[in-house]
């Protein structure tokens, strides 16, 4: 039963676990590798607090 539940929730865990979240330090864009020119085309930029594409510099 435990492995069945793990298989069912694994995709959800991967989806939500991959989202970077900020603490009280501000916006993710200020610390993101993709924060230059037109490298990032997300509508949340430059004020994103949650982003699936976030990569730290």
N, C-alpha and C. Protein backbone atom coordinates (compact mmCIF):
# COMPACT_ATOMS: atom_id res chain seq x y z
N UNK A 1 0.82 -1.19 0.00
CA UNK A 1 0.00 0.00 0.00
C UNK A 1 0.87 1.26 0.00
N UNK A 2 1.95 1.22 0.76
CA UNK A 2 2.82 2.39 0.84
C UNK A 2 3.45 2.72 -0.52
N UNK A 3 3.90 1.72 -1.23
CA UNK A 3 4.52 1.97 -2.53
C UNK A 3 3.50 2.46 -3.55
N UNK A 4 2.26 2.02 -3.45
CA UNK A 4 1.22 2.51 -4.35
C UNK A 4 1.00 4.00 -4.12
N UNK A 5 0.93 4.42 -2.87
CA UNK A 5 0.77 5.84 -2.57
C UNK A 5 1.98 6.65 -3.01
N UNK A 6 3.15 6.08 -2.85
CA UNK A 6 4.36 6.78 -3.28
C UNK A 6 4.36 6.98 -4.80
N UNK A 7 3.90 5.98 -5.52
CA UNK A 7 3.82 6.11 -6.98
C UNK A 7 2.78 7.13 -7.41
N UNK A 8 1.69 7.19 -6.69
CA UNK A 8 0.64 8.14 -7.04
C UNK A 8 1.04 9.58 -6.75
N UNK A 9 1.77 9.79 -5.68
CA UNK A 9 2.13 11.15 -5.29
C UNK A 9 3.49 11.60 -5.81
N UNK A 10 4.26 10.73 -6.41
CA UNK A 10 5.58 11.10 -6.92
C UNK A 10 5.52 12.22 -7.96
N UNK A 11 4.62 12.17 -8.93
CA UNK A 11 4.57 13.29 -9.89
C UNK A 11 4.21 14.63 -9.24
N UNK A 12 3.31 14.59 -8.28
CA UNK A 12 2.94 15.83 -7.59
C UNK A 12 4.11 16.37 -6.77
N UNK A 13 4.81 15.48 -6.12
CA UNK A 13 5.97 15.89 -5.33
C UNK A 13 7.05 16.48 -6.24
N UNK A 14 7.24 15.88 -7.41
CA UNK A 14 8.24 16.39 -8.34
C UNK A 14 7.84 17.76 -8.87
N UNK A 15 6.56 17.94 -9.15
CA UNK A 15 6.09 19.22 -9.67
C UNK A 15 6.22 20.32 -8.63
N UNK A 16 5.68 20.10 -7.45
CA UNK A 16 5.70 21.14 -6.44
C UNK A 16 7.03 21.24 -5.72
N UNK A 17 7.78 20.17 -5.65
CA UNK A 17 9.09 20.22 -5.02
C UNK A 17 10.10 20.96 -5.87
N UNK A 18 9.85 21.03 -7.18
CA UNK A 18 10.75 21.72 -8.08
C UNK A 18 10.56 23.22 -8.13
N UNK A 19 9.49 23.69 -7.56
CA UNK A 19 9.24 25.13 -7.56
C UNK A 19 10.10 25.80 -6.51
N UNK A 20 10.88 26.72 -6.94
CA UNK A 20 11.71 27.47 -5.98
C UNK A 20 10.83 28.48 -5.28
N UNK A 21 11.06 28.67 -4.00
CA UNK A 21 10.28 29.61 -3.21
C UNK A 21 11.23 30.54 -2.47
N UNK A 22 10.78 31.77 -2.30
CA UNK A 22 11.61 32.72 -1.57
C UNK A 22 11.23 32.72 -0.11
N UNK A 23 12.13 33.17 0.69
CA UNK A 23 11.85 33.41 2.09
C UNK A 23 11.49 34.88 2.22
N UNK A 24 12.02 35.53 3.20
CA UNK A 24 11.76 36.95 3.37
C UNK A 24 12.79 37.79 2.63
N UNK A 25 13.62 37.16 1.82
CA UNK A 25 14.73 37.87 1.19
C UNK A 25 14.35 38.62 -0.08
N UNK A 26 13.14 38.52 -0.56
CA UNK A 26 12.75 39.28 -1.74
C UNK A 26 12.38 38.40 -2.91
N UNK A 27 12.64 38.93 -4.09
CA UNK A 27 12.23 38.26 -5.32
C UNK A 27 13.30 37.30 -5.83
N UNK A 28 12.84 36.24 -6.47
CA UNK A 28 13.77 35.26 -7.03
C UNK A 28 14.59 35.83 -8.18
N UNK A 29 13.99 36.70 -8.96
CA UNK A 29 14.67 37.22 -10.15
C UNK A 29 16.00 37.90 -9.81
N UNK A 30 16.08 38.49 -8.64
CA UNK A 30 17.32 39.16 -8.25
C UNK A 30 18.48 38.19 -8.09
N UNK A 31 18.18 36.93 -7.85
CA UNK A 31 19.22 35.92 -7.63
C UNK A 31 19.26 34.84 -8.71
N UNK A 32 18.53 35.04 -9.79
CA UNK A 32 18.39 33.99 -10.81
C UNK A 32 19.43 34.10 -11.92
N UNK A 33 19.86 32.97 -12.39
CA UNK A 33 20.82 32.87 -13.49
C UNK A 33 20.24 33.44 -14.79
N UNK A 34 18.93 33.40 -14.95
CA UNK A 34 18.28 33.82 -16.20
C UNK A 34 17.87 35.30 -16.18
N UNK A 35 18.31 36.06 -15.19
CA UNK A 35 17.91 37.46 -15.06
C UNK A 35 18.86 38.37 -15.83
N UNK A 36 18.80 38.30 -17.14
CA UNK A 36 19.56 39.22 -17.99
C UNK A 36 18.90 39.27 -19.36
N UNK A 37 18.89 40.43 -19.95
CA UNK A 37 18.35 40.61 -21.29
C UNK A 37 16.99 39.95 -21.48
N UNK A 38 16.88 39.19 -22.54
CA UNK A 38 15.65 38.47 -22.86
C UNK A 38 15.76 36.98 -22.55
N UNK A 39 16.64 36.60 -21.65
CA UNK A 39 16.83 35.19 -21.33
C UNK A 39 15.57 34.60 -20.67
N UNK A 40 14.87 35.41 -19.90
CA UNK A 40 13.65 34.96 -19.23
C UNK A 40 12.46 35.71 -19.81
N UNK A 41 11.47 34.97 -20.26
CA UNK A 41 10.29 35.59 -20.84
C UNK A 41 9.04 35.36 -20.01
N UNK A 42 9.21 35.00 -18.76
CA UNK A 42 8.06 34.76 -17.88
C UNK A 42 7.37 36.08 -17.55
N UNK A 43 6.05 36.03 -17.46
CA UNK A 43 5.28 37.25 -17.17
C UNK A 43 5.49 37.73 -15.75
N UNK A 44 5.94 36.85 -14.86
CA UNK A 44 6.15 37.23 -13.46
C UNK A 44 7.40 38.08 -13.27
N UNK A 45 8.29 38.05 -14.21
CA UNK A 45 9.56 38.74 -14.10
C UNK A 45 9.34 40.24 -14.06
N UNK A 46 9.97 40.99 -13.25
CA UNK A 46 11.07 40.72 -12.34
C UNK A 46 10.62 40.53 -10.89
N UNK A 47 9.34 40.26 -10.67
CA UNK A 47 8.82 40.18 -9.32
C UNK A 47 8.38 38.78 -8.92
N UNK A 48 9.01 37.76 -9.45
CA UNK A 48 8.60 36.39 -9.18
C UNK A 48 9.00 35.96 -7.77
N UNK A 49 8.07 35.36 -7.07
CA UNK A 49 8.34 34.79 -5.75
C UNK A 49 8.34 33.27 -5.83
N UNK A 50 7.73 32.72 -6.90
CA UNK A 50 7.71 31.29 -7.17
C UNK A 50 8.00 31.12 -8.65
N UNK A 51 8.95 30.24 -8.98
CA UNK A 51 9.30 30.04 -10.37
C UNK A 51 9.86 28.64 -10.60
N UNK A 52 9.28 27.90 -11.54
CA UNK A 52 9.79 26.55 -11.81
C UNK A 52 11.12 26.55 -12.56
N UNK A 53 11.49 27.68 -13.18
CA UNK A 53 12.73 27.77 -13.95
C UNK A 53 13.88 28.36 -13.16
N UNK A 54 13.69 28.68 -11.91
CA UNK A 54 14.72 29.34 -11.11
C UNK A 54 15.99 28.52 -11.02
N UNK A 55 17.10 29.15 -11.30
CA UNK A 55 18.45 28.57 -11.12
C UNK A 55 19.29 29.63 -10.45
N UNK A 56 19.85 29.30 -9.30
CA UNK A 56 20.68 30.26 -8.56
C UNK A 56 21.94 30.59 -9.35
N UNK A 57 22.39 31.82 -9.22
CA UNK A 57 23.64 32.23 -9.90
C UNK A 57 24.83 31.56 -9.29
